[in-house]
Each structure stands twice: as C-alpha cells, then as structure tokens.
C-alpha cells in the first residue's frame, strides 16, 4: 500500500460519507419541495 493508494482510499471513504449525507439531505429536500 503506497501513500498515493492510501490517499485514494481515504478519498473514496470521504466521498462515500458525503454521499450518504447528501442522500439524507435529498430526502429532506424532496419533502420540503412536495410541501411547497
């Protein structure tokens, strides 16, 4: 495992966390749009 590979693995992990948060946000925003 090189430093570069570890950086990419960390990047995937970080982006997956962001994606999970955005999916939760999408659900909330969908409900707000439907209510509006």
ModelCIF file with pLDDT and N, C-alpha, C, O atoms, coordinates in Angstrom:
data_MODEL
#
_entry.id   MODEL 
#
_entity.id                         1 
_entity.type                       polymer 
_entity.pdbx_number_of_molecules   1 
#
_entity_poly.entity_id                      1 
_entity_poly.type                           'polypeptide(L)' 
_entity_poly.nstd_linkage                   no 
_entity_poly.nstd_monomer                   no 
_entity_poly.pdbx_seq_one_letter_code       
;(UNK)(UNK)(UNK)(UNK)(UNK)(UNK)(UNK)(UNK)(UNK)(UNK)(UNK)(UNK)(UNK)(UNK)(UNK)(UNK)
(UNK)(UNK)(UNK)(UNK)(UNK)(UNK)(UNK)(UNK)(UNK)(UNK)(UNK)(UNK)(UNK)(UNK)(UNK)(UNK)
(UNK)(UNK)(UNK)(UNK)
;
_entity_poly.pdbx_seq_one_letter_code_can   XXXXXXXXXXXXXXXXXXXXXXXXXXXXXXXXXXXX 
_entity_poly.pdbx_strand_id                 A 
#
loop_
_entity_poly_seq.entity_id 
_entity_poly_seq.num 
_entity_poly_seq.mon_id 
_entity_poly_seq.hetero 
1 1  UNK n 
1 2  UNK n 
1 3  UNK n 
1 4  UNK n 
1 5  UNK n 
1 6  UNK n 
1 7  UNK n 
1 8  UNK n 
1 9  UNK n 
1 10 UNK n 
1 11 UNK n 
1 12 UNK n 
1 13 UNK n 
1 14 UNK n 
1 15 UNK n 
1 16 UNK n 
1 17 UNK n 
1 18 UNK n 
1 19 UNK n 
1 20 UNK n 
1 21 UNK n 
1 22 UNK n 
1 23 UNK n 
1 24 UNK n 
1 25 UNK n 
1 26 UNK n 
1 27 UNK n 
1 28 UNK n 
1 29 UNK n 
1 30 UNK n 
1 31 UNK n 
1 32 UNK n 
1 33 UNK n 
1 34 UNK n 
1 35 UNK n 
1 36 UNK n 
#
_struct_asym.id          A 
_struct_asym.entity_id   1 
#
loop_
_ma_qa_metric.id 
_ma_qa_metric.mode 
_ma_qa_metric.name 
_ma_qa_metric.software_group_id 
_ma_qa_metric.type 
1 global pLDDT . pLDDT 
2 local  pLDDT . pLDDT 
#
_ma_qa_metric_global.metric_id      1 
_ma_qa_metric_global.metric_value   91.22 
_ma_qa_metric_global.model_id       1 
_ma_qa_metric_global.ordinal_id     1 
#
loop_
_ma_qa_metric_local.label_asym_id 
_ma_qa_metric_local.label_comp_id 
_ma_qa_metric_local.label_seq_id 
_ma_qa_metric_local.metric_id 
_ma_qa_metric_local.metric_value 
_ma_qa_metric_local.model_id 
_ma_qa_metric_local.ordinal_id 
A UNK 1  2 66.00 1 1  
A UNK 2  2 82.00 1 2  
A UNK 3  2 82.00 1 3  
A UNK 4  2 81.00 1 4  
A UNK 5  2 82.00 1 5  
A UNK 6  2 83.00 1 6  
A UNK 7  2 84.00 1 7  
A UNK 8  2 81.00 1 8  
A UNK 9  2 86.00 1 9  
A UNK 10 2 88.00 1 10 
A UNK 11 2 88.00 1 11 
A UNK 12 2 89.00 1 12 
A UNK 13 2 92.00 1 13 
A UNK 14 2 94.00 1 14 
A UNK 15 2 93.00 1 15 
A UNK 16 2 92.00 1 16 
A UNK 17 2 94.00 1 17 
A UNK 18 2 95.00 1 18 
A UNK 19 2 94.00 1 19 
A UNK 20 2 95.00 1 20 
A UNK 21 2 95.00 1 21 
A UNK 22 2 95.00 1 22 
A UNK 23 2 95.00 1 23 
A UNK 24 2 95.00 1 24 
A UNK 25 2 96.00 1 25 
A UNK 26 2 96.00 1 26 
A UNK 27 2 96.00 1 27 
A UNK 28 2 96.00 1 28 
A UNK 29 2 97.00 1 29 
A UNK 30 2 97.00 1 30 
A UNK 31 2 97.00 1 31 
A UNK 32 2 97.00 1 32 
A UNK 33 2 97.00 1 33 
A UNK 34 2 98.00 1 34 
A UNK 35 2 98.00 1 35 
A UNK 36 2 98.00 1 36 
#
loop_
_atom_site.group_PDB 
_atom_site.id 
_atom_site.type_symbol 
_atom_site.label_atom_id 
_atom_site.label_alt_id 
_atom_site.label_comp_id 
_atom_site.label_asym_id 
_atom_site.label_entity_id 
_atom_site.label_seq_id 
_atom_site.pdbx_PDB_ins_code 
_atom_site.Cartn_x 
_atom_site.Cartn_y 
_atom_site.Cartn_z 
_atom_site.occupancy 
_atom_site.B_iso_or_equiv 
_atom_site.pdbx_formal_charge 
_atom_site.auth_seq_id 
_atom_site.auth_comp_id 
_atom_site.auth_asym_id 
_atom_site.auth_atom_id 
_atom_site.pdbx_PDB_model_num 
ATOM 1   N N  . UNK A 1 1  ? 0.854   -1.182 0.000  1.00 66.00 ? 1  UNK A N  1 
ATOM 2   C CA . UNK A 1 1  ? 0.000   0.000  0.000  1.00 66.00 ? 1  UNK A CA 1 
ATOM 3   C C  . UNK A 1 1  ? 0.898   1.242  0.000  1.00 66.00 ? 1  UNK A C  1 
ATOM 4   O O  . UNK A 1 1  ? 1.619   1.503  0.963  1.00 66.00 ? 1  UNK A O  1 
ATOM 5   N N  . UNK A 1 2  ? 0.840   1.977  -1.066 1.00 82.00 ? 2  UNK A N  1 
ATOM 6   C CA . UNK A 1 2  ? 1.640   3.186  -1.179 1.00 82.00 ? 2  UNK A CA 1 
ATOM 7   C C  . UNK A 1 2  ? 0.886   4.368  -0.586 1.00 82.00 ? 2  UNK A C  1 
ATOM 8   O O  . UNK A 1 2  ? -0.315  4.285  -0.331 1.00 82.00 ? 2  UNK A O  1 
ATOM 9   N N  . UNK A 1 3  ? 1.594   5.456  -0.373 1.00 82.00 ? 3  UNK A N  1 
ATOM 10  C CA . UNK A 1 3  ? 0.973   6.683  0.142  1.00 82.00 ? 3  UNK A CA 1 
ATOM 11  C C  . UNK A 1 3  ? -0.102  7.178  -0.822 1.00 82.00 ? 3  UNK A C  1 
ATOM 12  O O  . UNK A 1 3  ? -1.164  7.633  -0.396 1.00 82.00 ? 3  UNK A O  1 
ATOM 13  N N  . UNK A 1 4  ? 0.176   7.087  -2.116 1.00 81.00 ? 4  UNK A N  1 
ATOM 14  C CA . UNK A 1 4  ? -0.781  7.525  -3.130 1.00 81.00 ? 4  UNK A CA 1 
ATOM 15  C C  . UNK A 1 4  ? -2.055  6.681  -3.084 1.00 81.00 ? 4  UNK A C  1 
ATOM 16  O O  . UNK A 1 4  ? -3.166  7.208  -3.143 1.00 81.00 ? 4  UNK A O  1 
ATOM 17  N N  . UNK A 1 5  ? -1.876  5.367  -2.977 1.00 82.00 ? 5  UNK A N  1 
ATOM 18  C CA . UNK A 1 5  ? -3.041  4.478  -2.896 1.00 82.00 ? 5  UNK A CA 1 
ATOM 19  C C  . UNK A 1 5  ? -3.845  4.773  -1.640 1.00 82.00 ? 5  UNK A C  1 
ATOM 20  O O  . UNK A 1 5  ? -5.075  4.789  -1.678 1.00 82.00 ? 5  UNK A O  1 
ATOM 21  N N  . UNK A 1 6  ? -3.159  5.006  -0.528 1.00 83.00 ? 6  UNK A N  1 
ATOM 22  C CA . UNK A 1 6  ? -3.854  5.315  0.716  1.00 83.00 ? 6  UNK A CA 1 
ATOM 23  C C  . UNK A 1 6  ? -4.645  6.623  0.594  1.00 83.00 ? 6  UNK A C  1 
ATOM 24  O O  . UNK A 1 6  ? -5.750  6.737  1.124  1.00 83.00 ? 6  UNK A O  1 
ATOM 25  N N  . UNK A 1 7  ? -4.075  7.600  -0.102 1.00 84.00 ? 7  UNK A N  1 
ATOM 26  C CA . UNK A 1 7  ? -4.799  8.862  -0.329 1.00 84.00 ? 7  UNK A CA 1 
ATOM 27  C C  . UNK A 1 7  ? -6.074  8.623  -1.125 1.00 84.00 ? 7  UNK A C  1 
ATOM 28  O O  . UNK A 1 7  ? -7.107  9.228  -0.839 1.00 84.00 ? 7  UNK A O  1 
ATOM 29  N N  . UNK A 1 8  ? -6.010  7.752  -2.115 1.00 81.00 ? 8  UNK A N  1 
ATOM 30  C CA . UNK A 1 8  ? -7.198  7.438  -2.921 1.00 81.00 ? 8  UNK A CA 1 
ATOM 31  C C  . UNK A 1 8  ? -8.236  6.684  -2.089 1.00 81.00 ? 8  UNK A C  1 
ATOM 32  O O  . UNK A 1 8  ? -9.435  6.939  -2.204 1.00 81.00 ? 8  UNK A O  1 
ATOM 33  N N  . UNK A 1 9  ? -7.779  5.769  -1.263 1.00 86.00 ? 9  UNK A N  1 
ATOM 34  C CA . UNK A 1 9  ? -8.695  5.030  -0.382 1.00 86.00 ? 9  UNK A CA 1 
ATOM 35  C C  . UNK A 1 9  ? -9.376  5.997  0.582  1.00 86.00 ? 9  UNK A C  1 
ATOM 36  O O  . UNK A 1 9  ? -10.583 5.912  0.808  1.00 86.00 ? 9  UNK A O  1 
ATOM 37  N N  . UNK A 1 10 ? -8.599  6.913  1.145  1.00 88.00 ? 10 UNK A N  1 
ATOM 38  C CA . UNK A 1 10 ? -9.170  7.932  2.039  1.00 88.00 ? 10 UNK A CA 1 
ATOM 39  C C  . UNK A 1 10 ? -10.177 8.807  1.297  1.00 88.00 ? 10 UNK A C  1 
ATOM 40  O O  . UNK A 1 10 ? -11.214 9.185  1.843  1.00 88.00 ? 10 UNK A O  1 
ATOM 41  N N  . UNK A 1 11 ? -9.852  9.123  0.034  1.00 88.00 ? 11 UNK A N  1 
ATOM 42  C CA . UNK A 1 11 ? -10.764 9.927  -0.782 1.00 88.00 ? 11 UNK A CA 1 
ATOM 43  C C  . UNK A 1 11 ? -12.085 9.221  -1.026 1.00 88.00 ? 11 UNK A C  1 
ATOM 44  O O  . UNK A 1 11 ? -13.149 9.833  -0.942 1.00 88.00 ? 11 UNK A O  1 
ATOM 45  N N  . UNK A 1 12 ? -12.015 7.927  -1.330 1.00 89.00 ? 12 UNK A N  1 
ATOM 46  C CA . UNK A 1 12 ? -13.245 7.146  -1.542 1.00 89.00 ? 12 UNK A CA 1 
ATOM 47  C C  . UNK A 1 12 ? -14.076 7.128  -0.263 1.00 89.00 ? 12 UNK A C  1 
ATOM 48  O O  . UNK A 1 12 ? -15.292 7.317  -0.298 1.00 89.00 ? 12 UNK A O  1 
ATOM 49  N N  . UNK A 1 13 ? -13.420 6.904  0.844  1.00 92.00 ? 13 UNK A N  1 
ATOM 50  C CA . UNK A 1 13 ? -14.121 6.871  2.136  1.00 92.00 ? 13 UNK A CA 1 
ATOM 51  C C  . UNK A 1 13 ? -14.810 8.209  2.416  1.00 92.00 ? 13 UNK A C  1 
ATOM 52  O O  . UNK A 1 13 ? -15.980 8.245  2.798  1.00 92.00 ? 13 UNK A O  1 
ATOM 53  N N  . UNK A 1 14 ? -14.078 9.302  2.225  1.00 94.00 ? 14 UNK A N  1 
ATOM 54  C CA . UNK A 1 14 ? -14.629 10.639 2.473  1.00 94.00 ? 14 UNK A CA 1 
ATOM 55  C C  . UNK A 1 14 ? -15.823 10.929 1.549  1.00 94.00 ? 14 UNK A C  1 
ATOM 56  O O  . UNK A 1 14 ? -16.854 11.432 1.994  1.00 94.00 ? 14 UNK A O  1 
ATOM 57  N N  . UNK A 1 15 ? -15.670 10.611 0.287  1.00 93.00 ? 15 UNK A N  1 
ATOM 58  C CA . UNK A 1 15 ? -16.748 10.875 -0.680 1.00 93.00 ? 15 UNK A CA 1 
ATOM 59  C C  . UNK A 1 15 ? -17.961 9.993  -0.396 1.00 93.00 ? 15 UNK A C  1 
ATOM 60  O O  . UNK A 1 15 ? -19.095 10.432 -0.591 1.00 93.00 ? 15 UNK A O  1 
ATOM 61  N N  . UNK A 1 16 ? -17.748 8.765  0.058  1.00 92.00 ? 16 UNK A N  1 
ATOM 62  C CA . UNK A 1 16 ? -18.877 7.911  0.435  1.00 92.00 ? 16 UNK A CA 1 
ATOM 63  C C  . UNK A 1 16 ? -19.641 8.498  1.607  1.00 92.00 ? 16 UNK A C  1 
ATOM 64  O O  . UNK A 1 16 ? -20.871 8.441  1.633  1.00 92.00 ? 16 UNK A O  1 
ATOM 65  N N  . UNK A 1 17 ? -18.931 9.064  2.583  1.00 94.00 ? 17 UNK A N  1 
ATOM 66  C CA . UNK A 1 17 ? -19.608 9.720  3.710  1.00 94.00 ? 17 UNK A CA 1 
ATOM 67  C C  . UNK A 1 17 ? -20.413 10.925 3.232  1.00 94.00 ? 17 UNK A C  1 
ATOM 68  O O  . UNK A 1 17 ? -21.554 11.125 3.647  1.00 94.00 ? 17 UNK A O  1 
ATOM 69  N N  . UNK A 1 18 ? -19.808 11.720 2.360  1.00 95.00 ? 18 UNK A N  1 
ATOM 70  C CA . UNK A 1 18 ? -20.515 12.877 1.797  1.00 95.00 ? 18 UNK A CA 1 
ATOM 71  C C  . UNK A 1 18 ? -21.759 12.430 1.034  1.00 95.00 ? 18 UNK A C  1 
ATOM 72  O O  . UNK A 1 18 ? -22.813 13.059 1.127  1.00 95.00 ? 18 UNK A O  1 
ATOM 73  N N  . UNK A 1 19 ? -21.626 11.340 0.280  1.00 94.00 ? 19 UNK A N  1 
ATOM 74  C CA . UNK A 1 19 ? -22.750 10.820 -0.498 1.00 94.00 ? 19 UNK A CA 1 
ATOM 75  C C  . UNK A 1 19 ? -23.894 10.383 0.417  1.00 94.00 ? 19 UNK A C  1 
ATOM 76  O O  . UNK A 1 19 ? -25.059 10.657 0.129  1.00 94.00 ? 19 UNK A O  1 
ATOM 77  N N  . UNK A 1 20 ? -23.568 9.713  1.506  1.00 95.00 ? 20 UNK A N  1 
ATOM 78  C CA . UNK A 1 20 ? -24.610 9.300  2.453  1.00 95.00 ? 20 UNK A CA 1 
ATOM 79  C C  . UNK A 1 20 ? -25.331 10.522 3.035  1.00 95.00 ? 20 UNK A C  1 
ATOM 80  O O  . UNK A 1 20 ? -26.554 10.517 3.176  1.00 95.00 ? 20 UNK A O  1 
ATOM 81  N N  . UNK A 1 21 ? -24.574 11.554 3.367  1.00 95.00 ? 21 UNK A N  1 
ATOM 82  C CA . UNK A 1 21 ? -25.178 12.765 3.924  1.00 95.00 ? 21 UNK A CA 1 
ATOM 83  C C  . UNK A 1 21 ? -26.056 13.464 2.880  1.00 95.00 ? 21 UNK A C  1 
ATOM 84  O O  . UNK A 1 21 ? -27.139 13.953 3.201  1.00 95.00 ? 21 UNK A O  1 
ATOM 85  N N  . UNK A 1 22 ? -25.587 13.509 1.640  1.00 95.00 ? 22 UNK A N  1 
ATOM 86  C CA . UNK A 1 22 ? -26.372 14.137 0.580  1.00 95.00 ? 22 UNK A CA 1 
ATOM 87  C C  . UNK A 1 22 ? -27.646 13.352 0.294  1.00 95.00 ? 22 UNK A C  1 
ATOM 88  O O  . UNK A 1 22 ? -28.679 13.950 -0.007 1.00 95.00 ? 22 UNK A O  1 
ATOM 89  N N  . UNK A 1 23 ? -27.593 12.028 0.381  1.00 95.00 ? 23 UNK A N  1 
ATOM 90  C CA . UNK A 1 23 ? -28.798 11.227 0.182  1.00 95.00 ? 23 UNK A CA 1 
ATOM 91  C C  . UNK A 1 23 ? -29.824 11.516 1.267  1.00 95.00 ? 23 UNK A C  1 
ATOM 92  O O  . UNK A 1 23 ? -31.020 11.586 0.988  1.00 95.00 ? 23 UNK A O  1 
ATOM 93  N N  . UNK A 1 24 ? -29.362 11.686 2.510  1.00 95.00 ? 24 UNK A N  1 
ATOM 94  C CA . UNK A 1 24 ? -30.272 12.068 3.589  1.00 95.00 ? 24 UNK A CA 1 
ATOM 95  C C  . UNK A 1 24 ? -30.852 13.457 3.331  1.00 95.00 ? 24 UNK A C  1 
ATOM 96  O O  . UNK A 1 24 ? -32.041 13.696 3.542  1.00 95.00 ? 24 UNK A O  1 
ATOM 97  N N  . UNK A 1 25 ? -29.994 14.367 2.873  1.00 96.00 ? 25 UNK A N  1 
ATOM 98  C CA . UNK A 1 25 ? -30.442 15.726 2.567  1.00 96.00 ? 25 UNK A CA 1 
ATOM 99  C C  . UNK A 1 25 ? -31.452 15.716 1.425  1.00 96.00 ? 25 UNK A C  1 
ATOM 100 O O  . UNK A 1 25 ? -32.420 16.477 1.437  1.00 96.00 ? 25 UNK A O  1 
ATOM 101 N N  . UNK A 1 26 ? -31.222 14.850 0.438  1.00 96.00 ? 26 UNK A N  1 
ATOM 102 C CA . UNK A 1 26 ? -32.137 14.745 -0.701 1.00 96.00 ? 26 UNK A CA 1 
ATOM 103 C C  . UNK A 1 26 ? -33.542 14.365 -0.238 1.00 96.00 ? 26 UNK A C  1 
ATOM 104 O O  . UNK A 1 26 ? -34.533 14.910 -0.724 1.00 96.00 ? 26 UNK A O  1 
ATOM 105 N N  . UNK A 1 27 ? -33.616 13.440 0.691  1.00 96.00 ? 27 UNK A N  1 
ATOM 106 C CA . UNK A 1 27 ? -34.920 13.030 1.219  1.00 96.00 ? 27 UNK A CA 1 
ATOM 107 C C  . UNK A 1 27 ? -35.628 14.212 1.879  1.00 96.00 ? 27 UNK A C  1 
ATOM 108 O O  . UNK A 1 27 ? -36.817 14.438 1.655  1.00 96.00 ? 27 UNK A O  1 
ATOM 109 N N  . UNK A 1 28 ? -34.892 14.956 2.688  1.00 96.00 ? 28 UNK A N  1 
ATOM 110 C CA . UNK A 1 28 ? -35.465 16.118 3.374  1.00 96.00 ? 28 UNK A CA 1 
ATOM 111 C C  . UNK A 1 28 ? -35.888 17.194 2.372  1.00 96.00 ? 28 UNK A C  1 
ATOM 112 O O  . UNK A 1 28 ? -36.969 17.770 2.498  1.00 96.00 ? 28 UNK A O  1 
ATOM 113 N N  . UNK A 1 29 ? -35.047 17.462 1.390  1.00 97.00 ? 29 UNK A N  1 
ATOM 114 C CA . UNK A 1 29 ? -35.375 18.477 0.389  1.00 97.00 ? 29 UNK A CA 1 
ATOM 115 C C  . UNK A 1 29 ? -36.560 18.059 -0.474 1.00 97.00 ? 29 UNK A C  1 
ATOM 116 O O  . UNK A 1 29 ? -37.358 18.902 -0.884 1.00 97.00 ? 29 UNK A O  1 
ATOM 117 N N  . UNK A 1 30 ? -36.677 16.777 -0.750 1.00 97.00 ? 30 UNK A N  1 
ATOM 118 C CA . UNK A 1 30 ? -37.825 16.278 -1.522 1.00 97.00 ? 30 UNK A CA 1 
ATOM 119 C C  . UNK A 1 30 ? -39.127 16.524 -0.773 1.00 97.00 ? 30 UNK A C  1 
ATOM 120 O O  . UNK A 1 30 ? -40.137 16.910 -1.361 1.00 97.00 ? 30 UNK A O  1 
ATOM 121 N N  . UNK A 1 31 ? -39.082 16.294 0.532  1.00 97.00 ? 31 UNK A N  1 
ATOM 122 C CA . UNK A 1 31 ? -40.278 16.532 1.339  1.00 97.00 ? 31 UNK A CA 1 
ATOM 123 C C  . UNK A 1 31 ? -40.616 18.024 1.385  1.00 97.00 ? 31 UNK A C  1 
ATOM 124 O O  . UNK A 1 31 ? -41.788 18.393 1.317  1.00 97.00 ? 31 UNK A O  1 
ATOM 125 N N  . UNK A 1 32 ? -39.608 18.879 1.498  1.00 97.00 ? 32 UNK A N  1 
ATOM 126 C CA . UNK A 1 32 ? -39.838 20.323 1.510  1.00 97.00 ? 32 UNK A CA 1 
ATOM 127 C C  . UNK A 1 32 ? -40.414 20.806 0.184  1.00 97.00 ? 32 UNK A C  1 
ATOM 128 O O  . UNK A 1 32 ? -41.318 21.641 0.160  1.00 97.00 ? 32 UNK A O  1 
ATOM 129 N N  . UNK A 1 33 ? -39.885 20.277 -0.920 1.00 97.00 ? 33 UNK A N  1 
ATOM 130 C CA . UNK A 1 33 ? -40.392 20.669 -2.238 1.00 97.00 ? 33 UNK A CA 1 
ATOM 131 C C  . UNK A 1 33 ? -41.839 20.211 -2.423 1.00 97.00 ? 33 UNK A C  1 
ATOM 132 O O  . UNK A 1 33 ? -42.665 20.947 -2.963 1.00 97.00 ? 33 UNK A O  1 
ATOM 133 N N  . UNK A 1 34 ? -42.133 19.009 -1.976 1.00 98.00 ? 34 UNK A N  1 
ATOM 134 C CA . UNK A 1 34 ? -43.507 18.499 -2.077 1.00 98.00 ? 34 UNK A CA 1 
ATOM 135 C C  . UNK A 1 34 ? -44.460 19.345 -1.228 1.00 98.00 ? 34 UNK A C  1 
ATOM 136 O O  . UNK A 1 34 ? -45.582 19.628 -1.648 1.00 98.00 ? 34 UNK A O  1 
ATOM 137 N N  . UNK A 1 35 ? -44.017 19.744 -0.048 1.00 98.00 ? 35 UNK A N  1 
ATOM 138 C CA . UNK A 1 35 ? -44.840 20.579 0.828  1.00 98.00 ? 35 UNK A CA 1 
ATOM 139 C C  . UNK A 1 35 ? -45.072 21.953 0.193  1.00 98.00 ? 35 UNK A C  1 
ATOM 140 O O  . UNK A 1 35 ? -46.185 22.478 0.230  1.00 98.00 ? 35 UNK A O  1 
ATOM 141 N N  . UNK A 1 36 ? -44.016 22.532 -0.389 1.00 98.00 ? 36 UNK A N  1 
ATOM 142 C CA . UNK A 1 36 ? -44.148 23.836 -1.048 1.00 98.00 ? 36 UNK A CA 1 
ATOM 143 C C  . UNK A 1 36 ? -45.117 23.749 -2.221 1.00 98.00 ? 36 UNK A C  1 
ATOM 144 O O  . UNK A 1 36 ? -45.357 24.748 -2.899 1.00 98.00 ? 36 UNK A O  1 
#
